[in-house]
C-alpha atoms as a PDB file:
ATOM      1  CA  MET A   1      41.252  91.056 173.002  1.00  0.00           C
ATOM      2  CA  HIS A   2      44.384  93.169 172.681  1.00  0.00           C
ATOM      3  CA  ASP A   3      47.747  93.080 174.255  1.00  0.00           C
ATOM      4  CA  ALA A   4      48.020  93.695 177.695  1.00  0.00           C
ATOM      5  CA  GLY A   5      50.997  96.091 176.643  1.00  0.00           C
ATOM      6  CA  PRO A   6      54.846  96.178 177.521  1.00  0.00           C
ATOM      7  CA  GLY A   7      55.766  93.980 180.864  1.00  0.00           C
ATOM      8  CA  HIS A   8      53.098  91.451 180.094  1.00  0.00           C
ATOM      9  CA  PRO A   9      54.659  89.175 177.219  1.00  0.00           C
ATOM     10  CA  GLY A  10      52.289  86.418 175.854  1.00  0.00           C
ATOM     11  CA  ARG A  11      49.394  88.098 178.205  1.00  0.00           C
ATOM     12  CA  ARG A  12      46.098  89.465 176.508  1.00  0.00           C
ATOM     13  CA  ARG A  13      43.333  91.517 178.019  1.00  0.00           C
ATOM     14  CA  ALA A  14      40.001  91.765 177.572  1.00  0.00           C
ATOM     15  CA  ALA A  15      36.699  93.010 178.939  1.00  0.00           C
ATOM     16  CA  TRP A  16      33.205  91.926 179.204  1.00  0.00           C
ATOM     17  CA  ALA A  17      29.890  93.119 179.691  1.00  0.00           C
ATOM     18  CA  THR A  18      26.612  90.663 180.581  1.00  0.00           C
ATOM     19  CA  TRP A  19      23.156  90.899 181.989  1.00  0.00           C
ATOM     20  CA  TYR A  20      22.627  88.146 184.792  1.00  0.00           C
ATOM     21  CA  ARG A  21      19.385  86.818 185.585  1.00  0.00           C
ATOM     22  CA  GLY A  22      17.697  85.523 188.706  1.00  0.00           C
ATOM     23  CA  ARG A  23      17.930  81.504 189.137  1.00  0.00           C
ATOM     24  CA  TRP A  24      14.050  81.401 188.978  1.00  0.00           C
ATOM     25  CA  THR A  25      14.290  82.603 185.348  1.00  0.00           C
ATOM     26  CA  THR A  26      13.352  79.853 183.020  1.00  0.00           C
ATOM     27  CA  PRO A  27      15.004  78.555 180.586  1.00  0.00           C
ATOM     28  CA  ASP A  28      12.978  79.655 177.655  1.00  0.00           C
ATOM     29  CA  ILE A  29      12.847  83.219 178.871  1.00  0.00           C
ATOM     30  CA  VAL A  30      16.682  83.244 178.840  1.00  0.00           C
ATOM     31  CA  GLN A  31      16.752  81.832 174.907  1.00  0.00           C
ATOM     32  CA  ARG A  32      14.127  84.731 174.265  1.00  0.00           C
ATOM     33  CA  LEU A  33      16.409  87.082 175.741  1.00  0.00           C
ATOM     34  CA  ASN A  34      19.517  85.906 174.287  1.00  0.00           C
ATOM     35  CA  ILE A  35      17.836  86.368 171.225  1.00  0.00           C
ATOM     36  CA  LEU A  36      16.554  89.933 171.495  1.00  0.00           C
ATOM     37  CA  VAL A  37      19.940  91.124 172.865  1.00  0.00           C
ATOM     38  CA  ARG A  38      21.656  89.418 169.786  1.00  0.00           C
ATOM     39  CA  GLU A  39      19.312  91.113 167.505  1.00  0.00           C
ATOM     40  CA  SER A  40      19.817  94.159 169.019  1.00  0.00           C
ATOM     41  CA  LEU A  41      23.352  94.439 168.724  1.00  0.00           C
ATOM     42  CA  ARG A  42      22.706  94.170 164.902  1.00  0.00           C
ATOM     43  CA  ALA A  43      20.688  97.266 165.005  1.00  0.00           C
ATOM     44  CA  PRO A  44      23.166  99.609 162.893  1.00  0.00           C
ATOM     45  CA  ASP A  45      23.118 103.146 165.782  1.00  0.00           C
ATOM     46  CA  LEU A  46      23.643 100.501 168.300  1.00  0.00           C
ATOM     47  CA  ALA A  47      26.821  99.051 166.670  1.00  0.00           C
ATOM     48  CA  GLU A  48      28.014 102.388 165.560  1.00  0.00           C
ATOM     49  CA  SER A  49      27.966 103.891 169.108  1.00  0.00           C
ATOM     50  CA  LEU A  50      30.080 100.670 170.576  1.00  0.00           C
ATOM     51  CA  ALA A  51      32.305 101.349 167.792  1.00  0.00           C
ATOM     52  CA  ALA A  52      32.742 104.949 168.651  1.00  0.00           C
ATOM     53  CA  SER A  53      33.557 103.404 172.131  1.00  0.00           C
ATOM     54  CA  ALA A  54      36.158 100.972 170.808  1.00  0.00           C
ATOM     55  CA  LEU A  55      33.754  98.345 172.185  1.00  0.00           C
ATOM     56  CA  GLN A  56      33.240  95.117 170.060  1.00  0.00           C
ATOM     57  CA  PRO A  57      30.441  93.233 170.576  1.00  0.00           C
ATOM     58  CA  ARG A  58      30.781  89.145 170.546  1.00  0.00           C
ATOM     59  CA  PRO A  59      27.603  88.083 171.662  1.00  0.00           C
ATOM     60  CA  VAL A  60      27.547  84.504 172.838  1.00  0.00           C
ATOM     61  CA  THR A  61      25.271  82.040 174.293  1.00  0.00           C
ATOM     62  CA  PRO A  62      24.325  81.760 178.303  1.00  0.00           C
ATOM     63  CA  GLU A  63      26.139  78.089 177.994  1.00  0.00           C
ATOM     64  CA  GLU A  64      29.283  79.904 176.100  1.00  0.00           C
ATOM     65  CA  PHE A  65      29.263  82.692 177.878  1.00  0.00           C
ATOM     66  CA  ALA A  66      29.426  80.269 181.177  1.00  0.00           C
ATOM     67  CA  VAL A  67      32.940  78.607 180.188  1.00  0.00           C
ATOM     68  CA  VAL A  68      34.011  82.611 179.433  1.00  0.00           C
ATOM     69  CA  VAL A  69      33.203  83.239 183.540  1.00  0.00           C
ATOM     70  CA  ARG A  70      34.666  79.456 184.159  1.00  0.00           C
ATOM     71  CA  GLN A  71      38.113  80.334 182.614  1.00  0.00           C
ATOM     72  CA  ASP A  72      38.361  83.700 183.473  1.00  0.00           C
ATOM     73  CA  PHE A  73      37.848  82.305 187.594  1.00  0.00           C
ATOM     74  CA  ASP A  74      40.589  79.936 186.794  1.00  0.00           C
ATOM     75  CA  ARG A  75      42.978  82.165 185.027  1.00  0.00           C
ATOM     76  CA  TRP A  76      42.605  85.239 187.997  1.00  0.00           C
ATOM     77  CA  ALA A  77      42.553  82.996 191.170  1.00  0.00           C
ATOM     78  CA  SER A  78      45.959  81.703 191.700  1.00  0.00           C
ATOM     79  CA  ILE A  79      47.016  85.769 191.012  1.00  0.00           C
ATOM     80  CA  VAL A  80      44.478  86.898 193.595  1.00  0.00           C
ATOM     81  CA  LYS A  81      45.409  84.195 196.413  1.00  0.00           C
ATOM     82  CA  THR A  82      49.233  84.986 195.396  1.00  0.00           C
ATOM     83  CA  THR A  83      49.152  88.449 196.092  1.00  0.00           C
ATOM     84  CA  GLY A  84      46.390  88.806 198.572  1.00  0.00           C
ATOM     85  CA  PHE A  85      44.415  91.317 196.592  1.00  0.00           C
ATOM     86  CA  THR A  86      41.308  91.872 198.270  1.00  0.00           C
ATOM     87  CA  ALA A  87      38.403  93.814 196.899  1.00  0.00           C
ATOM     88  CA  THR A  88      39.045  97.116 198.781  1.00  0.00           C
ATOM     89  CA  ASP A  89      42.909  97.424 197.492  1.00  0.00           C
END
């Protein structure tokens, strides 16, 4: 995470990317995919490519990522409601 910048004291910014799967995907397949992605992120050529784009992977389990999504949703919900922001703005 990085400081959000001037005018936003105490705020942090971070971006994340993920792969979503269909709800019909069995837990064993989800676990296997998670293992494969985590292994891939350790590959030197991919690590170099991500670093060149200033990206720092932080692999997590599906359960850990669900917590991140919930926290982000909770954090931004009041801002979206207060400002009236819509996806078309």
